[in-house]
Amino acid sequence: CDGHKPCAKCRNDNALCCVTALRTPKTVFPPGYTELVERQNKYLVSALITLYRRLLLGQSWDGAPVQEANGFPLVHDILERLEINTVDE
């Protein structure tokens, strides 16, 4: 981190800069939890980029609205509609 917001490393990695989030956690997470959160983050970043590109091209949402739970759209359905199946390639 170079102290700027966003820092040069995060800017180069196209990542959210969360320097304050690097404090030592008080909660111990189960094995594999960090990998799961990183994988979910990749999917969400990919979806955000896809939506941004579609917005720039003036494209609308294809088809009917996605399913909702408790008044919120299901993220899995959004990713599926955006054809974001894997981000590990």
PDB file of N, CA and C in Angstrom:
ATOM      1  N   CYS A   1       0.846  -1.184   0.000  1.00  0.00           N
ATOM      2  CA  CYS A   1       0.000   0.000   0.000  1.00  0.00           C
ATOM      3  C   CYS A   1       0.889   1.244   0.000  1.00  0.00           C
ATOM      4  N   ASP A   2       0.584   2.172  -0.875  1.00  0.00           N
ATOM      5  CA  ASP A   2       1.378   3.392  -0.950  1.00  0.00           C
ATOM      6  C   ASP A   2       0.746   4.554  -0.178  1.00  0.00           C
ATOM      7  N   GLY A   3      -0.356   4.267   0.551  1.00  0.00           N
ATOM      8  CA  GLY A   3      -0.995   5.292   1.367  1.00  0.00           C
ATOM      9  C   GLY A   3      -2.045   6.112   0.649  1.00  0.00           C
ATOM     10  N   HIS A   4      -2.149   5.969  -0.664  1.00  0.00           N
ATOM     11  CA  HIS A   4      -3.172   6.696  -1.406  1.00  0.00           C
ATOM     12  C   HIS A   4      -4.471   5.906  -1.398  1.00  0.00           C
ATOM     13  N   LYS A   5      -5.569   6.554  -1.707  1.00  0.00           N
ATOM     14  CA  LYS A   5      -6.870   5.900  -1.755  1.00  0.00           C
ATOM     15  C   LYS A   5      -7.448   6.075  -3.133  1.00  0.00           C
ATOM     16  N   PRO A   6      -7.534   5.076  -4.015  1.00  0.00           N
ATOM     17  CA  PRO A   6      -7.042   3.716  -3.785  1.00  0.00           C
ATOM     18  C   PRO A   6      -5.534   3.651  -3.944  1.00  0.00           C
ATOM     19  N   CYS A   7      -4.950   2.659  -3.313  1.00  0.00           N
ATOM     20  CA  CYS A   7      -3.497   2.502  -3.400  1.00  0.00           C
ATOM     21  C   CYS A   7      -3.124   1.966  -4.784  1.00  0.00           C
ATOM     22  N   ALA A   8      -1.871   2.094  -5.146  1.00  0.00           N
ATOM     23  CA  ALA A   8      -1.404   1.687  -6.475  1.00  0.00           C
ATOM     24  C   ALA A   8      -1.612   0.198  -6.715  1.00  0.00           C
ATOM     25  N   LYS A   9      -1.376  -0.634  -5.692  1.00  0.00           N
ATOM     26  CA  LYS A   9      -1.547  -2.084  -5.870  1.00  0.00           C
ATOM     27  C   LYS A   9      -2.998  -2.430  -6.180  1.00  0.00           C
ATOM     28  N   CYS A  10      -3.928  -1.888  -5.407  1.00  0.00           N
ATOM     29  CA  CYS A  10      -5.350  -2.173  -5.649  1.00  0.00           C
ATOM     30  C   CYS A  10      -5.791  -1.626  -7.000  1.00  0.00           C
ATOM     31  N   ARG A  11      -5.307  -0.455  -7.360  1.00  0.00           N
ATOM     32  CA  ARG A  11      -5.664   0.133  -8.655  1.00  0.00           C
ATOM     33  C   ARG A  11      -5.150  -0.762  -9.784  1.00  0.00           C
ATOM     34  N   ASN A  12      -3.907  -1.232  -9.676  1.00  0.00           N
ATOM     35  CA  ASN A  12      -3.333  -2.114 -10.699  1.00  0.00           C
ATOM     36  C   ASN A  12      -4.025  -3.468 -10.752  1.00  0.00           C
ATOM     37  N   ASP A  13      -4.485  -3.974  -9.584  1.00  0.00           N
ATOM     38  CA  ASP A  13      -5.162  -5.272  -9.517  1.00  0.00           C
ATOM     39  C   ASP A  13      -6.655  -5.155  -9.814  1.00  0.00           C
ATOM     40  N   ASN A  14      -7.146  -3.925 -10.049  1.00  0.00           N
ATOM     41  CA  ASN A  14      -8.572  -3.675 -10.259  1.00  0.00           C
ATOM     42  C   ASN A  14      -9.379  -4.222  -9.079  1.00  0.00           C
ATOM     43  N   ALA A  15      -8.906  -3.902  -7.852  1.00  0.00           N
ATOM     44  CA  ALA A  15      -9.543  -4.389  -6.637  1.00  0.00           C
ATOM     45  C   ALA A  15     -10.018  -3.207  -5.793  1.00  0.00           C
ATOM     46  N   LEU A  16     -11.004  -3.474  -4.935  1.00  0.00           N
ATOM     47  CA  LEU A  16     -11.438  -2.451  -3.998  1.00  0.00           C
ATOM     48  C   LEU A  16     -10.340  -2.252  -2.965  1.00  0.00           C
ATOM     49  N   CYS A  17     -10.028  -1.019  -2.649  1.00  0.00           N
ATOM     50  CA  CYS A  17      -8.971  -0.711  -1.694  1.00  0.00           C
ATOM     51  C   CYS A  17      -9.593  -0.614  -0.301  1.00  0.00           C
ATOM     52  N   CYS A  18      -9.235  -1.549   0.547  1.00  0.00           N
ATOM     53  CA  CYS A  18      -9.816  -1.628   1.886  1.00  0.00           C
ATOM     54  C   CYS A  18      -8.729  -1.729   2.939  1.00  0.00           C
ATOM     55  N   VAL A  19      -7.861  -0.750   2.991  1.00  0.00           N
ATOM     56  CA  VAL A  19      -6.733  -0.790   3.912  1.00  0.00           C
ATOM     57  C   VAL A  19      -7.221  -0.939   5.345  1.00  0.00           C
ATOM     58  N   THR A  20      -8.298  -0.258   5.714  1.00  0.00           N
ATOM     59  CA  THR A  20      -8.787  -0.328   7.092  1.00  0.00           C
ATOM     60  C   THR A  20      -9.332  -1.713   7.417  1.00  0.00           C
ATOM     61  N   ALA A  21      -9.657  -2.515   6.416  1.00  0.00           N
ATOM     62  CA  ALA A  21     -10.184  -3.857   6.654  1.00  0.00           C
ATOM     63  C   ALA A  21      -9.081  -4.856   6.955  1.00  0.00           C
ATOM     64  N   LEU A  22      -7.815  -4.431   6.948  1.00  0.00           N
ATOM     65  CA  LEU A  22      -6.710  -5.354   7.154  1.00  0.00           C
ATOM     66  C   LEU A  22      -6.366  -5.557   8.627  1.00  0.00           C
ATOM     67  N   ARG A  23      -7.176  -4.995   9.513  1.00  0.00           N
ATOM     68  CA  ARG A  23      -6.922  -5.200  10.935  1.00  0.00           C
ATOM     69  C   ARG A  23      -7.062  -6.684  11.283  1.00  0.00           C
ATOM     70  N   THR A  24      -6.396  -7.111  12.317  1.00  0.00           N
ATOM     71  CA  THR A  24      -6.456  -8.510  12.727  1.00  0.00           C
ATOM     72  C   THR A  24      -7.879  -8.841  13.174  1.00  0.00           C
ATOM     73  N   PRO A  25      -8.492  -9.861  12.548  1.00  0.00           N
ATOM     74  CA  PRO A  25      -9.862 -10.206  12.932  1.00  0.00           C
ATOM     75  C   PRO A  25      -9.893 -10.886  14.301  1.00  0.00           C
ATOM     76  N   LYS A  26     -10.972 -10.643  15.046  1.00  0.00           N
ATOM     77  CA  LYS A  26     -11.141 -11.264  16.349  1.00  0.00           C
ATOM     78  C   LYS A  26     -11.863 -12.597  16.208  1.00  0.00           C
ATOM     79  N   THR A  27     -12.508 -12.822  15.065  1.00  0.00           N
ATOM     80  CA  THR A  27     -13.236 -14.049  14.819  1.00  0.00           C
ATOM     81  C   THR A  27     -12.350 -15.021  14.055  1.00  0.00           C
ATOM     82  N   VAL A  28     -12.372 -16.263  14.456  1.00  0.00           N
ATOM     83  CA  VAL A  28     -11.639 -17.301  13.739  1.00  0.00           C
ATOM     84  C   VAL A  28     -12.616 -17.946  12.759  1.00  0.00           C
ATOM     85  N   PHE A  29     -12.282 -17.906  11.479  1.00  0.00           N
ATOM     86  CA  PHE A  29     -13.164 -18.447  10.455  1.00  0.00           C
ATOM     87  C   PHE A  29     -12.782 -19.886  10.151  1.00  0.00           C
ATOM     88  N   PRO A  30     -13.762 -20.697   9.757  1.00  0.00           N
ATOM     89  CA  PRO A  30     -13.465 -22.100   9.444  1.00  0.00           C
ATOM     90  C   PRO A  30     -12.593 -22.216   8.203  1.00  0.00           C
ATOM     91  N   PRO A  31     -11.902 -23.354   8.054  1.00  0.00           N
ATOM     92  CA  PRO A  31     -11.070 -23.564   6.865  1.00  0.00           C
ATOM     93  C   PRO A  31     -11.891 -23.409   5.589  1.00  0.00           C
ATOM     94  N   GLY A  32     -11.314 -22.747   4.613  1.00  0.00           N
ATOM     95  CA  GLY A  32     -11.986 -22.563   3.330  1.00  0.00           C
ATOM     96  C   GLY A  32     -12.858 -21.328   3.244  1.00  0.00           C
ATOM     97  N   TYR A  33     -13.100 -20.669   4.371  1.00  0.00           N
ATOM     98  CA  TYR A  33     -13.989 -19.508   4.373  1.00  0.00           C
ATOM     99  C   TYR A  33     -13.422 -18.359   3.539  1.00  0.00           C
ATOM    100  N   THR A  34     -12.147 -18.069   3.705  1.00  0.00           N
ATOM    101  CA  THR A  34     -11.524 -16.982   2.959  1.00  0.00           C
ATOM    102  C   THR A  34     -11.588 -17.241   1.464  1.00  0.00           C
ATOM    103  N   GLU A  35     -11.323 -18.475   1.049  1.00  0.00           N
ATOM    104  CA  GLU A  35     -11.388 -18.833  -0.366  1.00  0.00           C
ATOM    105  C   GLU A  35     -12.796 -18.651  -0.909  1.00  0.00           C
ATOM    106  N   LEU A  36     -13.810 -19.016  -0.106  1.00  0.00           N
ATOM    107  CA  LEU A  36     -15.206 -18.849  -0.515  1.00  0.00           C
ATOM    108  C   LEU A  36     -15.537 -17.372  -0.725  1.00  0.00           C
ATOM    109  N   VAL A  37     -15.115 -16.534   0.212  1.00  0.00           N
ATOM    110  CA  VAL A  37     -15.389 -15.098   0.103  1.00  0.00           C
ATOM    111  C   VAL A  37     -14.661 -14.509  -1.106  1.00  0.00           C
ATOM    112  N   GLU A  38     -13.415 -14.938  -1.350  1.00  0.00           N
ATOM    113  CA  GLU A  38     -12.674 -14.449  -2.514  1.00  0.00           C
ATOM    114  C   GLU A  38     -13.356 -14.870  -3.813  1.00  0.00           C
ATOM    115  N   ARG A  39     -13.862 -16.098  -3.858  1.00  0.00           N
ATOM    116  CA  ARG A  39     -14.558 -16.587  -5.057  1.00  0.00           C
ATOM    117  C   ARG A  39     -15.843 -15.790  -5.301  1.00  0.00           C
ATOM    118  N   GLN A  40     -16.609 -15.552  -4.229  1.00  0.00           N
ATOM    119  CA  GLN A  40     -17.829 -14.751  -4.358  1.00  0.00           C
ATOM    120  C   GLN A  40     -17.500 -13.344  -4.839  1.00  0.00           C
ATOM    121  N   ASN A  41     -16.411 -12.784  -4.328  1.00  0.00           N
ATOM    122  CA  ASN A  41     -15.996 -11.449  -4.746  1.00  0.00           C
ATOM    123  C   ASN A  41     -15.694 -11.416  -6.238  1.00  0.00           C
ATOM    124  N   LYS A  42     -15.020 -12.472  -6.752  1.00  0.00           N
ATOM    125  CA  LYS A  42     -14.716 -12.525  -8.186  1.00  0.00           C
ATOM    126  C   LYS A  42     -15.991 -12.521  -9.020  1.00  0.00           C
ATOM    127  N   TYR A  43     -16.986 -13.301  -8.588  1.00  0.00           N
ATOM    128  CA  TYR A  43     -18.257 -13.343  -9.307  1.00  0.00           C
ATOM    129  C   TYR A  43     -18.935 -11.974  -9.304  1.00  0.00           C
ATOM    130  N   LEU A  44     -18.959 -11.333  -8.148  1.00  0.00           N
ATOM    131  CA  LEU A  44     -19.634 -10.037  -8.046  1.00  0.00           C
ATOM    132  C   LEU A  44     -18.916  -8.955  -8.845  1.00  0.00           C
ATOM    133  N   VAL A  45     -17.583  -8.955  -8.821  1.00  0.00           N
ATOM    134  CA  VAL A  45     -16.828  -7.984  -9.617  1.00  0.00           C
ATOM    135  C   VAL A  45     -17.076  -8.219 -11.094  1.00  0.00           C
ATOM    136  N   SER A  46     -17.082  -9.476 -11.518  1.00  0.00           N
ATOM    137  CA  SER A  46     -17.358  -9.805 -12.916  1.00  0.00           C
ATOM    138  C   SER A  46     -18.742  -9.326 -13.328  1.00  0.00           C
ATOM    139  N   ALA A  47     -19.731  -9.515 -12.456  1.00  0.00           N
ATOM    140  CA  ALA A  47     -21.097  -9.058 -12.745  1.00  0.00           C
ATOM    141  C   ALA A  47     -21.158  -7.534 -12.842  1.00  0.00           C
ATOM    142  N   LEU A  48     -20.477  -6.857 -11.939  1.00  0.00           N
ATOM    143  CA  LEU A  48     -20.474  -5.395 -11.950  1.00  0.00           C
ATOM    144  C   LEU A  48     -19.864  -4.863 -13.239  1.00  0.00           C
ATOM    145  N   ILE A  49     -18.762  -5.459 -13.677  1.00  0.00           N
ATOM    146  CA  ILE A  49     -18.116  -5.042 -14.925  1.00  0.00           C
ATOM    147  C   ILE A  49     -19.033  -5.305 -16.107  1.00  0.00           C
ATOM    148  N   THR A  50     -19.690  -6.465 -16.128  1.00  0.00           N
ATOM    149  CA  THR A  50     -20.620  -6.805 -17.211  1.00  0.00           C
ATOM    150  C   THR A  50     -21.770  -5.808 -17.267  1.00  0.00           C
ATOM    151  N   LEU A  51     -22.342  -5.493 -16.119  1.00  0.00           N
ATOM    152  CA  LEU A  51     -23.452  -4.526 -16.077  1.00  0.00           C
ATOM    153  C   LEU A  51     -22.994  -3.145 -16.540  1.00  0.00           C
ATOM    154  N   TYR A  52     -21.799  -2.740 -16.127  1.00  0.00           N
ATOM    155  CA  TYR A  52     -21.258  -1.441 -16.537  1.00  0.00           C
ATOM    156  C   TYR A  52     -21.093  -1.384 -18.054  1.00  0.00           C
ATOM    157  N   ARG A  53     -20.519  -2.431 -18.633  1.00  0.00           N
ATOM    158  CA  ARG A  53     -20.328  -2.454 -20.088  1.00  0.00           C
ATOM    159  C   ARG A  53     -21.666  -2.409 -20.824  1.00  0.00           C
ATOM    160  N   ARG A  54     -22.654  -3.142 -20.310  1.00  0.00           N
ATOM    161  CA  ARG A  54     -23.984  -3.118 -20.931  1.00  0.00           C
ATOM    162  C   ARG A  54     -24.607  -1.729 -20.826  1.00  0.00           C
ATOM    163  N   LEU A  55     -24.416  -1.085 -19.685  1.00  0.00           N
ATOM    164  CA  LEU A  55     -24.937   0.264 -19.501  1.00  0.00           C
ATOM    165  C   LEU A  55     -24.316   1.221 -20.507  1.00  0.00           C
ATOM    166  N   LEU A  56     -22.990   1.125 -20.704  1.00  0.00           N
ATOM    167  CA  LEU A  56     -22.313   1.987 -21.673  1.00  0.00           C
ATOM    168  C   LEU A  56     -22.840   1.778 -23.087  1.00  0.00           C
ATOM    169  N   LEU A  57     -23.239   0.543 -23.393  1.00  0.00           N
ATOM    170  CA  LEU A  57     -23.762   0.226 -24.727  1.00  0.00           C
ATOM    171  C   LEU A  57     -25.261   0.495 -24.849  1.00  0.00           C
ATOM    172  N   GLY A  58     -25.877   0.958 -23.768  1.00  0.00           N
ATOM    173  CA  GLY A  58     -27.299   1.260 -23.790  1.00  0.00           C
ATOM    174  C   GLY A  58     -28.182   0.030 -23.823  1.00  0.00           C
ATOM    175  N   GLN A  59     -27.655  -1.107 -23.370  1.00  0.00           N
ATOM    176  CA  GLN A  59     -28.429  -2.334 -23.374  1.00  0.00           C
ATOM    177  C   GLN A  59     -29.331  -2.404 -22.147  1.00  0.00           C
ATOM    178  N   SER A  60     -30.531  -2.945 -22.360  1.00  0.00           N
ATOM    179  CA  SER A  60     -31.470  -3.081 -21.249  1.00  0.00           C
ATOM    180  C   SER A  60     -31.378  -4.485 -20.662  1.00  0.00           C
ATOM    181  N   TRP A  61     -32.115  -4.704 -19.592  1.00  0.00           N
ATOM    182  CA  TRP A  61     -32.158  -6.015 -18.949  1.00  0.00           C
ATOM    183  C   TRP A  61     -32.920  -6.976 -19.852  1.00  0.00           C
ATOM    184  N   ASP A  62     -32.353  -8.149 -20.095  1.00  0.00           N
ATOM    185  CA  ASP A  62     -32.987  -9.131 -20.965  1.00  0.00           C
ATOM    186  C   ASP A  62     -34.037  -9.933 -20.194  1.00  0.00           C
ATOM    187  N   GLY A  63     -35.246  -9.972 -20.723  1.00  0.00           N
ATOM    188  CA  GLY A  63     -36.276 -10.830 -20.151  1.00  0.00           C
ATOM    189  C   GLY A  63     -36.930 -10.275 -18.912  1.00  0.00           C
ATOM    190  N   ALA A  64     -37.621 -11.171 -18.232  1.00  0.00           N
ATOM    191  CA  ALA A  64     -38.384 -10.816 -17.036  1.00  0.00           C
ATOM    192  C   ALA A  64     -37.454 -10.549 -15.854  1.00  0.00           C
ATOM    193  N   PRO A  65     -37.963  -9.865 -14.846  1.00  0.00           N
ATOM    194  CA  PRO A  65     -37.158  -9.666 -13.638  1.00  0.00           C
ATOM    195  C   PRO A  65     -36.787 -11.005 -13.003  1.00  0.00           C
ATOM    196  N   VAL A  66     -35.700 -11.024 -12.258  1.00  0.00           N
ATOM    197  CA  VAL A  66     -35.264 -12.250 -11.582  1.00  0.00           C
ATOM    198  C   VAL A  66     -36.124 -12.479 -10.342  1.00  0.00           C
ATOM    199  N   GLN A  67     -36.019 -13.680  -9.800  1.00  0.00           N
ATOM    200  CA  GLN A  67     -36.758 -14.007  -8.585  1.00  0.00           C
ATOM    201  C   GLN A  67     -36.256 -13.159  -7.428  1.00  0.00           C
ATOM    202  N   GLU A  68     -37.135 -12.980  -6.452  1.00  0.00           N
ATOM    203  CA  GLU A  68     -36.761 -12.208  -5.267  1.00  0.00           C
ATOM    204  C   GLU A  68     -37.005 -13.025  -4.008  1.00  0.00           C
ATOM    205  N   ALA A  69     -36.262 -12.690  -2.972  1.00  0.00           N
ATOM    206  CA  ALA A  69     -36.455 -13.266  -1.646  1.00  0.00           C
ATOM    207  C   ALA A  69     -36.409 -12.122  -0.644  1.00  0.00           C
ATOM    208  N   ASN A  70     -37.431 -11.994   0.148  1.00  0.00           N
ATOM    209  CA  ASN A  70     -37.528 -10.915   1.148  1.00  0.00           C
ATOM    210  C   ASN A  70     -37.396  -9.537   0.516  1.00  0.00           C
ATOM    211  N   GLY A  71     -37.890  -9.397  -0.717  1.00  0.00           N
ATOM    212  CA  GLY A  71     -37.866  -8.094  -1.384  1.00  0.00           C
ATOM    213  C   GLY A  71     -36.570  -7.765  -2.104  1.00  0.00           C
ATOM    214  N   PHE A  72     -35.625  -8.703  -2.144  1.00  0.00           N
ATOM    215  CA  PHE A  72     -34.348  -8.467  -2.801  1.00  0.00           C
ATOM    216  C   PHE A  72     -34.155  -9.455  -3.936  1.00  0.00           C
ATOM    217  N   PRO A  73     -33.600  -9.007  -5.067  1.00  0.00           N
ATOM    218  CA  PRO A  73     -33.353  -9.944  -6.169  1.00  0.00           C
ATOM    219  C   PRO A  73     -32.298 -10.981  -5.773  1.00  0.00           C
ATOM    220  N   LEU A  74     -32.484 -12.209  -6.263  1.00  0.00           N
ATOM    221  CA  LEU A  74     -31.534 -13.275  -5.955  1.00  0.00           C
ATOM    222  C   LEU A  74     -30.275 -13.088  -6.790  1.00  0.00           C
ATOM    223  N   VAL A  75     -29.149 -12.919  -6.117  1.00  0.00           N
ATOM    224  CA  VAL A  75     -27.875 -12.662  -6.780  1.00  0.00           C
ATOM    225  C   VAL A  75     -27.527 -13.804  -7.740  1.00  0.00           C
ATOM    226  N   HIS A  76     -27.786 -15.028  -7.323  1.00  0.00           N
ATOM    227  CA  HIS A  76     -27.496 -16.181  -8.182  1.00  0.00           C
ATOM    228  C   HIS A  76     -28.242 -16.062  -9.509  1.00  0.00           C
ATOM    229  N   ASP A  77     -29.506 -15.634  -9.457  1.00  0.00           N
ATOM    230  CA  ASP A  77     -30.294 -15.482 -10.682  1.00  0.00           C
ATOM    231  C   ASP A  77     -29.746 -14.359 -11.566  1.00  0.00           C
ATOM    232  N   ILE A  78     -29.268 -13.287 -10.948  1.00  0.00           N
ATOM    233  CA  ILE A  78     -28.676 -12.190 -11.713  1.00  0.00           C
ATOM    234  C   ILE A  78     -27.427 -12.685 -12.435  1.00  0.00           C
ATOM    235  N   LEU A  79     -26.555 -13.406 -11.711  1.00  0.00           N
ATOM    236  CA  LEU A  79     -25.331 -13.931 -12.313  1.00  0.00           C
ATOM    237  C   LEU A  79     -25.658 -14.887 -13.454  1.00  0.00           C
ATOM    238  N   GLU A  80     -26.664 -15.718 -13.249  1.00  0.00           N
ATOM    239  CA  GLU A  80     -27.061 -16.661 -14.295  1.00  0.00           C
ATOM    240  C   GLU A  80     -27.568 -15.923 -15.524  1.00  0.00           C
ATOM    241  N   ARG A  81     -28.364 -14.881 -15.323  1.00  0.00           N
ATOM    242  CA  ARG A  81     -28.906 -14.111 -16.442  1.00  0.00           C
ATOM    243  C   ARG A  81     -27.804 -13.390 -17.196  1.00  0.00           C
ATOM    244  N   LEU A  82     -26.764 -12.972 -16.468  1.00  0.00           N
ATOM    245  CA  LEU A  82     -25.624 -12.301 -17.097  1.00  0.00           C
ATOM    246  C   LEU A  82     -24.646 -13.293 -17.706  1.00  0.00           C
ATOM    247  N   GLU A  83     -24.968 -14.578 -17.579  1.00  0.00           N
ATOM    248  CA  GLU A  83     -24.134 -15.668 -18.088  1.00  0.00           C
ATOM    249  C   GLU A  83     -22.746 -15.670 -17.459  1.00  0.00           C
ATOM    250  N   ILE A  84     -22.707 -15.360 -16.169  1.00  0.00           N
ATOM    251  CA  ILE A  84     -21.460 -15.399 -15.413  1.00  0.00           C
ATOM    252  C   ILE A  84     -21.466 -16.728 -14.677  1.00  0.00           C
ATOM    253  N   ASN A  85     -20.890 -17.735 -15.325  1.00  0.00           N
ATOM    254  CA  ASN A  85     -20.899 -19.088 -14.793  1.00  0.00           C
ATOM    255  C   ASN A  85     -19.616 -19.415 -14.053  1.00  0.00           C
ATOM    256  N   THR A  86     -18.519 -18.900 -14.527  1.00  0.00           N
ATOM    257  CA  THR A  86     -17.245 -19.155 -13.884  1.00  0.00           C
ATOM    258  C   THR A  86     -16.329 -17.964 -14.085  1.00  0.00           C
ATOM    259  N   VAL A  87     -15.553 -17.663 -13.079  1.00  0.00           N
ATOM    260  CA  VAL A  87     -14.606 -16.551 -13.181  1.00  0.00           C
ATOM    261  C   VAL A  87     -13.194 -17.042 -12.949  1.00  0.00           C
ATOM    262  N   ASP A  88     -13.035 -18.365 -12.903  1.00  0.00           N
ATOM    263  CA  ASP A  88     -11.713 -18.929 -12.600  1.00  0.00           C
ATOM    264  C   ASP A  88     -10.875 -19.170 -13.845  1.00  0.00           C
ATOM    265  N   GLU A  89     -11.379 -18.812 -14.999  1.00  0.00           N
ATOM    266  CA  GLU A  89     -10.663 -19.086 -16.243  1.00  0.00           C
ATOM    267  C   GLU A  89      -9.520 -18.126 -16.442  1.00  0.00           C
TER     268      GLU A  89
END
